[in-house]
C-alpha atoms as a PDB file:
ATOM      1  CA  ILE A   1      52.349  18.568  31.072  1.00  0.00           C
ATOM      2  CA  TYR A   2      49.460  19.446  28.730  1.00  0.00           C
ATOM      3  CA  PRO A   3      46.719  19.231  31.425  1.00  0.00           C
ATOM      4  CA  LEU A   4      48.781  21.609  33.600  1.00  0.00           C
ATOM      5  CA  LEU A   5      49.297  24.146  30.798  1.00  0.00           C
ATOM      6  CA  ARG A   6      45.721  23.995  29.508  1.00  0.00           C
ATOM      7  CA  PRO A   7      44.185  26.297  32.200  1.00  0.00           C
ATOM      8  CA  PHE A   8      46.883  28.927  31.599  1.00  0.00           C
ATOM      9  CA  ALA A   9      46.288  28.789  27.835  1.00  0.00           C
ATOM     10  CA  LEU A  10      42.552  29.143  28.339  1.00  0.00           C
ATOM     11  CA  GLY A  11      43.100  32.042  30.761  1.00  0.00           C
ATOM     12  CA  MET A  12      45.248  33.803  28.177  1.00  0.00           C
ATOM     13  CA  CYS A  13      42.533  33.267  25.539  1.00  0.00           C
ATOM     14  CA  ILE A  14      39.958  34.778  27.911  1.00  0.00           C
ATOM     15  CA  MET A  15      42.125  37.859  28.540  1.00  0.00           C
ATOM     16  CA  LEU A  16      42.783  38.235  24.797  1.00  0.00           C
ATOM     17  CA  PHE A  17      39.317  37.097  23.678  1.00  0.00           C
ATOM     18  CA  PRO A  18      38.693  40.013  21.249  1.00  0.00           C
ATOM     19  CA  THR A  19      41.901  39.028  19.472  1.00  0.00           C
ATOM     20  CA  VAL A  20      40.853  35.371  19.444  1.00  0.00           C
ATOM     21  CA  LEU A  21      37.491  36.326  17.934  1.00  0.00           C
ATOM     22  CA  THR A  22      39.221  38.526  15.355  1.00  0.00           C
ATOM     23  CA  VAL A  23      41.458  35.626  14.320  1.00  0.00           C
ATOM     24  CA  ILE A  24      38.450  33.303  13.906  1.00  0.00           C
ATOM     25  CA  ASN A  25      36.536  35.909  11.888  1.00  0.00           C
ATOM     26  CA  GLY A  26      39.624  36.632   9.781  1.00  0.00           C
ATOM     27  CA  ILE A  27      39.967  32.973   8.844  1.00  0.00           C
ATOM     28  CA  LEU A  28      36.289  32.689   7.907  1.00  0.00           C
ATOM     29  CA  LYS A  29      35.869  36.108   6.254  1.00  0.00           C
ATOM     30  CA  PRO A  30      37.197  35.100   2.777  1.00  0.00           C
ATOM     31  CA  THR A  31      34.218  32.747   2.385  1.00  0.00           C
ATOM     32  CA  VAL A  32      31.829  35.704   2.811  1.00  0.00           C
ATOM     33  CA  ALA A  33      33.813  38.063   0.560  1.00  0.00           C
ATOM     34  CA  GLY A  34      34.186  35.509  -2.235  1.00  0.00           C
ATOM     35  CA  THR A  35      30.524  34.479  -2.312  1.00  0.00           C
ATOM     36  CA  ALA A  36      29.316  38.100  -2.008  1.00  0.00           C
ATOM     37  CA  ALA A  37      31.196  38.948  -5.232  1.00  0.00           C
ATOM     38  CA  MET A  38      29.214  36.220  -7.017  1.00  0.00           C
ATOM     39  CA  VAL A  39      25.906  37.774  -5.960  1.00  0.00           C
ATOM     40  CA  GLU A  40      26.930  41.330  -6.909  1.00  0.00           C
ATOM     41  CA  GLY A  41      27.801  40.281 -10.460  1.00  0.00           C
ATOM     42  CA  SER A  42      24.456  38.578 -10.996  1.00  0.00           C
ATOM     43  CA  GLU A  43      22.495  41.542  -9.581  1.00  0.00           C
ATOM     44  CA  THR A  44      24.126  43.927 -12.094  1.00  0.00           C
ATOM     45  CA  ALA A  45      23.163  41.692 -15.010  1.00  0.00           C
ATOM     46  CA  ILE A  46      19.589  41.317 -13.730  1.00  0.00           C
ATOM     47  CA  VAL A  47      19.101  45.093 -13.445  1.00  0.00           C
ATOM     48  CA  ALA A  48      20.231  45.568 -17.065  1.00  0.00           C
ATOM     49  CA  LEU A  49      17.966  42.769 -18.294  1.00  0.00           C
ATOM     50  CA  LEU A  50      14.971  44.127 -16.381  1.00  0.00           C
ATOM     51  CA  ASP A  51      15.429  47.489 -18.074  1.00  0.00           C
ATOM     52  CA  ALA A  52      15.693  45.816 -21.492  1.00  0.00           C
ATOM     53  CA  ARG A  53      12.577  43.732 -20.824  1.00  0.00           C
ATOM     54  CA  GLU A  54      10.554  46.778 -19.788  1.00  0.00           C
ATOM     55  CA  LYS A  55      11.472  48.565 -23.008  1.00  0.00           C
ATOM     56  CA  ALA A  56      10.621  45.470 -25.064  1.00  0.00           C
ATOM     57  CA  ILE A  57       7.199  45.137 -23.394  1.00  0.00           C
ATOM     58  CA  GLN A  58       6.345  48.765 -24.142  1.00  0.00           C
ATOM     59  CA  LYS A  59       6.864  48.032 -27.849  1.00  0.00           C
ATOM     60  CA  THR A  60       4.382  45.129 -27.903  1.00  0.00           C
ATOM     61  CA  PRO A  61       0.932  45.682 -29.462  1.00  0.00           C
ATOM     62  CA  TYR A  62      -0.829  44.281 -26.365  1.00  0.00           C
ATOM     63  CA  TRP A  63       0.728  46.865 -24.069  1.00  0.00           C
ATOM     64  CA  GLN A  64       0.040  49.662 -26.531  1.00  0.00           C
ATOM     65  CA  MET A  65      -3.579  48.521 -27.026  1.00  0.00           C
ATOM     66  CA  PHE A  66      -4.580  47.906 -23.416  1.00  0.00           C
ATOM     67  CA  VAL A  67      -2.216  50.160 -21.400  1.00  0.00           C
ATOM     68  CA  GLY A  68      -0.442  52.783 -23.485  1.00  0.00           C
ATOM     69  CA  VAL A  69       1.414  55.832 -22.336  1.00  0.00           C
ATOM     70  CA  ASP A  70      -1.617  57.305 -20.547  1.00  0.00           C
ATOM     71  CA  GLY A  71      -2.766  53.969 -19.092  1.00  0.00           C
ATOM     72  CA  GLN A  72      -6.089  54.097 -21.000  1.00  0.00           C
ATOM     73  CA  GLY A  73      -5.040  52.009 -23.978  1.00  0.00           C
ATOM     74  CA  ASP A  74      -5.636  52.686 -27.674  1.00  0.00           C
ATOM     75  CA  ARG A  75      -9.036  51.629 -29.002  1.00  0.00           C
ATOM     76  CA  GLU A  76      -8.238  52.436 -32.628  1.00  0.00           C
ATOM     77  CA  LYS A  77      -5.043  50.387 -32.534  1.00  0.00           C
ATOM     78  CA  TRP A  78      -6.962  47.469 -31.016  1.00  0.00           C
ATOM     79  CA  TYR A  79      -9.564  47.645 -33.791  1.00  0.00           C
ATOM     80  CA  ARG A  80      -6.940  47.691 -36.551  1.00  0.00           C
ATOM     81  CA  TYR A  81      -5.046  44.837 -34.858  1.00  0.00           C
ATOM     82  CA  THR A  82      -8.077  42.564 -34.383  1.00  0.00           C
ATOM     83  CA  ASN A  83      -9.770  43.484 -37.689  1.00  0.00           C
ATOM     84  CA  PRO A  84      -6.988  44.059 -40.213  1.00  0.00           C
ATOM     85  CA  ASP A  85      -9.288  43.660 -43.258  1.00  0.00           C
ATOM     86  CA  ALA A  86     -12.288  45.580 -41.917  1.00  0.00           C
ATOM     87  CA  GLY A  87     -13.354  48.923 -43.320  1.00  0.00           C
ATOM     88  CA  ASP A  88     -15.020  51.842 -41.592  1.00  0.00           C
ATOM     89  CA  GLU A  89     -17.168  51.048 -38.570  1.00  0.00           C
ATOM     90  CA  GLY A  90     -20.868  51.592 -38.508  1.00  0.00           C
ATOM     91  CA  MET A  91     -22.650  53.022 -35.498  1.00  0.00           C
ATOM     92  CA  ILE A  92     -23.971  49.669 -34.276  1.00  0.00           C
ATOM     93  CA  GLU A  93     -20.735  47.886 -35.106  1.00  0.00           C
ATOM     94  CA  GLY A  94     -18.763  50.607 -33.341  1.00  0.00           C
ATOM     95  CA  LEU A  95     -20.885  50.189 -30.220  1.00  0.00           C
ATOM     96  CA  GLY A  96     -20.263  46.437 -30.230  1.00  0.00           C
ATOM     97  CA  ASN A  97     -16.540  46.965 -30.745  1.00  0.00           C
ATOM     98  CA  ASP A  98     -16.492  49.417 -27.824  1.00  0.00           C
ATOM     99  CA  ILE A  99     -17.953  46.712 -25.584  1.00  0.00           C
ATOM    100  CA  GLN A 100     -15.484  44.105 -26.875  1.00  0.00           C
ATOM    101  CA  PHE A 101     -12.549  46.469 -26.341  1.00  0.00           C
ATOM    102  CA  ALA A 102     -13.694  47.293 -22.810  1.00  0.00           C
ATOM    103  CA  MET A 103     -14.060  43.588 -21.963  1.00  0.00           C
ATOM    104  CA  ALA A 104     -10.672  42.673 -23.476  1.00  0.00           C
ATOM    105  CA  LYS A 105      -8.995  45.535 -21.660  1.00  0.00           C
ATOM    106  CA  ALA A 106     -10.681  44.610 -18.343  1.00  0.00           C
ATOM    107  CA  GLN A 107      -9.627  40.971 -18.748  1.00  0.00           C
ATOM    108  CA  TYR A 108      -6.031  41.980 -19.510  1.00  0.00           C
ATOM    109  CA  ASN A 109      -5.857  44.368 -16.553  1.00  0.00           C
ATOM    110  CA  PHE A 110      -7.607  41.982 -14.135  1.00  0.00           C
ATOM    111  CA  LYS A 111      -5.295  39.083 -14.983  1.00  0.00           C
ATOM    112  CA  ASN A 112      -2.221  41.265 -14.598  1.00  0.00           C
ATOM    113  CA  THR A 113      -3.529  42.801 -11.359  1.00  0.00           C
ATOM    114  CA  ILE A 114      -4.068  39.397  -9.705  1.00  0.00           C
ATOM    115  CA  LYS A 115      -0.648  38.164 -10.785  1.00  0.00           C
ATOM    116  CA  GLN A 116       0.963  41.435  -9.740  1.00  0.00           C
ATOM    117  CA  TRP A 117      -0.579  41.113  -6.274  1.00  0.00           C
ATOM    118  CA  LEU A 118       0.691  37.539  -5.902  1.00  0.00           C
ATOM    119  CA  SER A 119       4.086  38.609  -7.213  1.00  0.00           C
ATOM    120  CA  GLU A 120       4.374  41.430  -4.669  1.00  0.00           C
ATOM    121  CA  VAL A 121       3.351  39.161  -1.767  1.00  0.00           C
ATOM    122  CA  LEU A 122       5.825  36.443  -2.742  1.00  0.00           C
ATOM    123  CA  GLN A 123       8.527  39.038  -3.408  1.00  0.00           C
ATOM    124  CA  ILE A 124       8.104  40.407   0.133  1.00  0.00           C
ATOM    125  CA  ILE A 125       8.311  36.892   1.616  1.00  0.00           C
ATOM    126  CA  PHE A 126      11.333  36.137  -0.583  1.00  0.00           C
ATOM    127  CA  GLU A 127      13.195  39.232   0.607  1.00  0.00           C
ATOM    128  CA  ALA A 128      12.083  38.555   4.201  1.00  0.00           C
ATOM    129  CA  ALA A 129      13.479  35.003   4.049  1.00  0.00           C
ATOM    130  CA  ALA A 130      16.909  36.250   2.960  1.00  0.00           C
ATOM    131  CA  LEU A 131      16.846  39.044   5.566  1.00  0.00           C
ATOM    132  CA  CYS A 132      15.696  36.625   8.282  1.00  0.00           C
ATOM    133  CA  ILE A 133      18.687  34.359   7.676  1.00  0.00           C
ATOM    134  CA  ASN A 134      21.150  37.254   7.934  1.00  0.00           C
ATOM    135  CA  THR A 135      19.441  38.836  10.957  1.00  0.00           C
ATOM    136  CA  VAL A 136      19.227  35.613  12.988  1.00  0.00           C
ATOM    137  CA  ARG A 137      22.814  34.822  11.992  1.00  0.00           C
ATOM    138  CA  THR A 138      23.980  38.178  13.363  1.00  0.00           C
ATOM    139  CA  PHE A 139      21.999  37.601  16.576  1.00  0.00           C
ATOM    140  CA  TYR A 140      23.545  34.160  17.071  1.00  0.00           C
ATOM    141  CA  LEU A 141      27.076  35.437  16.430  1.00  0.00           C
ATOM    142  CA  VAL A 142      26.637  38.283  18.930  1.00  0.00           C
ATOM    143  CA  VAL A 143      25.344  35.924  21.625  1.00  0.00           C
ATOM    144  CA  LEU A 144      28.076  33.361  20.961  1.00  0.00           C
ATOM    145  CA  GLY A 145      30.703  36.118  21.029  1.00  0.00           C
ATOM    146  CA  VAL A 146      29.436  37.474  24.358  1.00  0.00           C
ATOM    147  CA  LEU A 147      29.314  34.005  25.937  1.00  0.00           C
ATOM    148  CA  GLY A 148      32.699  32.949  24.544  1.00  0.00           C
ATOM    149  CA  PRO A 149      34.771  33.887  27.633  1.00  0.00           C
ATOM    150  CA  LEU A 150      32.287  32.077  29.905  1.00  0.00           C
ATOM    151  CA  VAL A 151      32.533  28.943  27.753  1.00  0.00           C
ATOM    152  CA  LEU A 152      36.320  29.090  27.866  1.00  0.00           C
ATOM    153  CA  GLY A 153      36.230  29.461  31.635  1.00  0.00           C
ATOM    154  CA  LEU A 154      33.845  26.530  32.175  1.00  0.00           C
ATOM    155  CA  SER A 155      35.902  24.272  29.900  1.00  0.00           C
ATOM    156  CA  VAL A 156      38.688  24.287  32.528  1.00  0.00           C
ATOM    157  CA  PHE A 157      36.667  21.988  34.808  1.00  0.00           C
ATOM    158  CA  ASP A 158      36.485  18.218  34.419  1.00  0.00           C
ATOM    159  CA  GLY A 159      33.451  17.056  32.435  1.00  0.00           C
ATOM    160  CA  LEU A 160      33.071  20.405  30.645  1.00  0.00           C
ATOM    161  CA  GLN A 161      36.098  20.222  28.381  1.00  0.00           C
ATOM    162  CA  ASN A 162      33.894  19.641  25.312  1.00  0.00           C
ATOM    163  CA  THR A 163      32.051  22.967  25.748  1.00  0.00           C
ATOM    164  CA  ILE A 164      34.804  24.846  23.939  1.00  0.00           C
ATOM    165  CA  ARG A 165      34.617  22.409  21.026  1.00  0.00           C
ATOM    166  CA  GLY A 166      30.836  22.772  20.847  1.00  0.00           C
ATOM    167  CA  TRP A 167      31.059  26.559  21.033  1.00  0.00           C
ATOM    168  CA  LEU A 168      33.616  26.742  18.232  1.00  0.00           C
ATOM    169  CA  SER A 169      31.636  24.396  15.975  1.00  0.00           C
ATOM    170  CA  LYS A 170      28.436  26.391  16.543  1.00  0.00           C
ATOM    171  CA  TYR A 171      30.202  29.678  15.821  1.00  0.00           C
ATOM    172  CA  ILE A 172      31.669  28.373  12.551  1.00  0.00           C
ATOM    173  CA  ASN A 173      28.337  26.782  11.623  1.00  0.00           C
ATOM    174  CA  VAL A 174      26.387  30.022  12.097  1.00  0.00           C
ATOM    175  CA  TYR A 175      29.086  32.086  10.388  1.00  0.00           C
ATOM    176  CA  LEU A 176      28.768  29.898   7.284  1.00  0.00           C
ATOM    177  CA  TRP A 177      25.065  30.706   6.885  1.00  0.00           C
ATOM    178  CA  LEU A 178      25.861  33.859   4.929  1.00  0.00           C
ATOM    179  CA  PRO A 179      28.295  32.233   2.452  1.00  0.00           C
ATOM    180  CA  VAL A 180      25.814  29.413   1.839  1.00  0.00           C
ATOM    181  CA  ALA A 181      23.000  31.947   1.345  1.00  0.00           C
ATOM    182  CA  ASN A 182      25.209  33.905  -1.062  1.00  0.00           C
ATOM    183  CA  VAL A 183      25.906  30.792  -3.133  1.00  0.00           C
ATOM    184  CA  PHE A 184      22.191  30.028  -3.257  1.00  0.00           C
ATOM    185  CA  GLY A 185      21.452  33.654  -4.159  1.00  0.00           C
ATOM    186  CA  SER A 186      23.963  33.559  -7.018  1.00  0.00           C
ATOM    187  CA  ILE A 187      22.311  30.401  -8.374  1.00  0.00           C
ATOM    188  CA  LEU A 188      18.894  32.078  -8.157  1.00  0.00           C
ATOM    189  CA  GLY A 189      20.335  35.135  -9.886  1.00  0.00           C
ATOM    190  CA  LYS A 190      21.665  33.031 -12.767  1.00  0.00           C
ATOM    191  CA  ILE A 191      18.288  31.300 -13.122  1.00  0.00           C
ATOM    192  CA  GLN A 192      16.492  34.646 -13.105  1.00  0.00           C
ATOM    193  CA  GLU A 193      18.969  36.040 -15.635  1.00  0.00           C
ATOM    194  CA  ASN A 194      18.251  33.176 -18.046  1.00  0.00           C
ATOM    195  CA  MET A 195      14.503  33.558 -17.451  1.00  0.00           C
ATOM    196  CA  LEU A 196      14.709  37.258 -18.342  1.00  0.00           C
ATOM    197  CA  LYS A 197      16.671  36.499 -21.515  1.00  0.00           C
ATOM    198  CA  LEU A 198      13.991  33.994 -22.542  1.00  0.00           C
ATOM    199  CA  ASP A 199      11.334  36.515 -21.559  1.00  0.00           C
ATOM    200  CA  ILE A 200      12.820  39.225 -23.783  1.00  0.00           C
ATOM    201  CA  SER A 201      13.054  36.853 -26.760  1.00  0.00           C
ATOM    202  CA  GLN A 202       9.385  35.845 -26.276  1.00  0.00           C
ATOM    203  CA  VAL A 203       8.309  39.477 -26.111  1.00  0.00           C
ATOM    204  CA  GLU A 204      10.181  40.309 -29.315  1.00  0.00           C
ATOM    205  CA  GLN A 205       8.828  37.275 -31.191  1.00  0.00           C
ATOM    206  CA  ASN A 206       5.253  36.899 -29.912  1.00  0.00           C
ATOM    207  CA  GLY A 207       4.422  40.214 -28.295  1.00  0.00           C
ATOM    208  CA  GLN A 208       3.738  38.442 -25.011  1.00  0.00           C
ATOM    209  CA  SER A 209       5.957  36.987 -22.293  1.00  0.00           C
ATOM    210  CA  PHE A 210       5.722  33.953 -20.057  1.00  0.00           C
ATOM    211  CA  PHE A 211       8.432  34.640 -17.460  1.00  0.00           C
ATOM    212  CA  SER A 212       7.547  38.242 -16.589  1.00  0.00           C
ATOM    213  CA  PRO A 213       7.341  39.243 -12.877  1.00  0.00           C
ATOM    214  CA  THR A 214       3.569  38.670 -13.012  1.00  0.00           C
ATOM    215  CA  ASP A 215       3.559  35.236 -14.641  1.00  0.00           C
ATOM    216  CA  THR A 216       3.358  31.717 -13.239  1.00  0.00           C
ATOM    217  CA  GLY A 217       6.975  30.760 -13.932  1.00  0.00           C
ATOM    218  CA  TYR A 218       8.284  33.737 -11.978  1.00  0.00           C
ATOM    219  CA  LEU A 219       5.929  33.044  -9.047  1.00  0.00           C
ATOM    220  CA  ILE A 220       7.123  29.432  -8.886  1.00  0.00           C
ATOM    221  CA  PHE A 221      10.691  30.746  -8.976  1.00  0.00           C
ATOM    222  CA  LEU A 222       9.980  32.912  -5.909  1.00  0.00           C
ATOM    223  CA  VAL A 223       8.480  29.939  -4.019  1.00  0.00           C
ATOM    224  CA  ILE A 224      11.612  27.908  -4.779  1.00  0.00           C
ATOM    225  CA  GLY A 225      13.754  30.776  -3.469  1.00  0.00           C
ATOM    226  CA  ILE A 226      11.751  31.057  -0.232  1.00  0.00           C
ATOM    227  CA  ILE A 227      12.031  27.332   0.477  1.00  0.00           C
ATOM    228  CA  GLY A 228      15.716  27.328  -0.478  1.00  0.00           C
ATOM    229  CA  TYR A 229      16.639  30.127   1.926  1.00  0.00           C
ATOM    230  CA  MET A 230      14.947  28.275   4.779  1.00  0.00           C
ATOM    231  CA  THR A 231      17.212  25.267   4.137  1.00  0.00           C
ATOM    232  CA  VAL A 232      20.430  27.293   4.533  1.00  0.00           C
ATOM    233  CA  PRO A 233      20.942  26.456   8.272  1.00  0.00           C
ATOM    234  CA  SER A 234      20.498  22.735   7.590  1.00  0.00           C
ATOM    235  CA  LEU A 235      23.008  22.857   4.740  1.00  0.00           C
ATOM    236  CA  ALA A 236      25.514  24.767   6.876  1.00  0.00           C
ATOM    237  CA  ASN A 237      25.052  22.136   9.567  1.00  0.00           C
ATOM    238  CA  SER A 238      26.088  19.517   7.002  1.00  0.00           C
ATOM    239  CA  ILE A 239      29.388  21.374   6.546  1.00  0.00           C
ATOM    240  CA  VAL A 240      30.133  21.816  10.270  1.00  0.00           C
ATOM    241  CA  GLN A 241      27.848  19.810  12.533  1.00  0.00           C
ATOM    242  CA  ALA A 242      26.572  21.685  15.570  1.00  0.00           C
ATOM    243  CA  ALA A 243      23.431  20.248  17.108  1.00  0.00           C
ATOM    244  CA  GLY A 244      20.872  22.253  19.029  1.00  0.00           C
ATOM    245  CA  ASN A 245      21.355  25.745  17.542  1.00  0.00           C
ATOM    246  CA  ASN A 246      18.648  25.790  14.859  1.00  0.00           C
ATOM    247  CA  ALA A 247      15.514  25.548  17.025  1.00  0.00           C
ATOM    248  CA  LEU A 248      14.539  29.190  16.417  1.00  0.00           C
ATOM    249  CA  LEU A 249      14.982  28.839  12.651  1.00  0.00           C
ATOM    250  CA  SER A 250      12.955  25.600  12.649  1.00  0.00           C
ATOM    251  CA  LYS A 251      10.058  27.288  14.428  1.00  0.00           C
ATOM    252  CA  ALA A 252      10.206  30.293  12.088  1.00  0.00           C
ATOM    253  CA  THR A 253      10.240  27.980   9.070  1.00  0.00           C
ATOM    254  CA  ASN A 254       7.265  25.994  10.337  1.00  0.00           C
END
């Protein structure tokens, strides 16, 4: 009896396909909503810590000496900081100190400029990797949704019964990209939150930081995030196996 009823059931699913798609999305939607809440909580904490770190950096003697409110630094503060026991400067000594201050300020600004440039480049790639996953996911879901009725129709014929199973597994696989990316993003957010806490404590104790957005640790963190986002399709495929749907992502990753 089942083989006789199967074409009628598939025909009903084709006629009511928007409802079928809504049911599938409704079953899978809690995974997106639950993981998105994890990311939102970490982003709020990171914004607060970034503000606290910026205020802590502005209180450090290095920032006040080489940057300052006007961006020109404070030569007198640098002299008192580097020569706490020195008296009044002579003309020749003052000229030498001017050269030393200019060189120290140029070194500080050059180092921060190079790291800031690398940080901005990696930050753009990091954001692009996360956006690429979501954009390609949306594209795949739209195409799979449009072709769904055709797949259901072809699965009526002998030899093509497995097309509906393959279509459903691919749809679930692609849908899970966003929850997996959200989980990875929440882990990255927690790591960044702890890095910022350590950064603030270093600024308050030593006057300098190691995990600021222009330092090596933060740049390595961004590289890890870029690589991690590119592994999201493979991880989702481990949850629901669907071969042959990640060729575009593989080429983009390469």
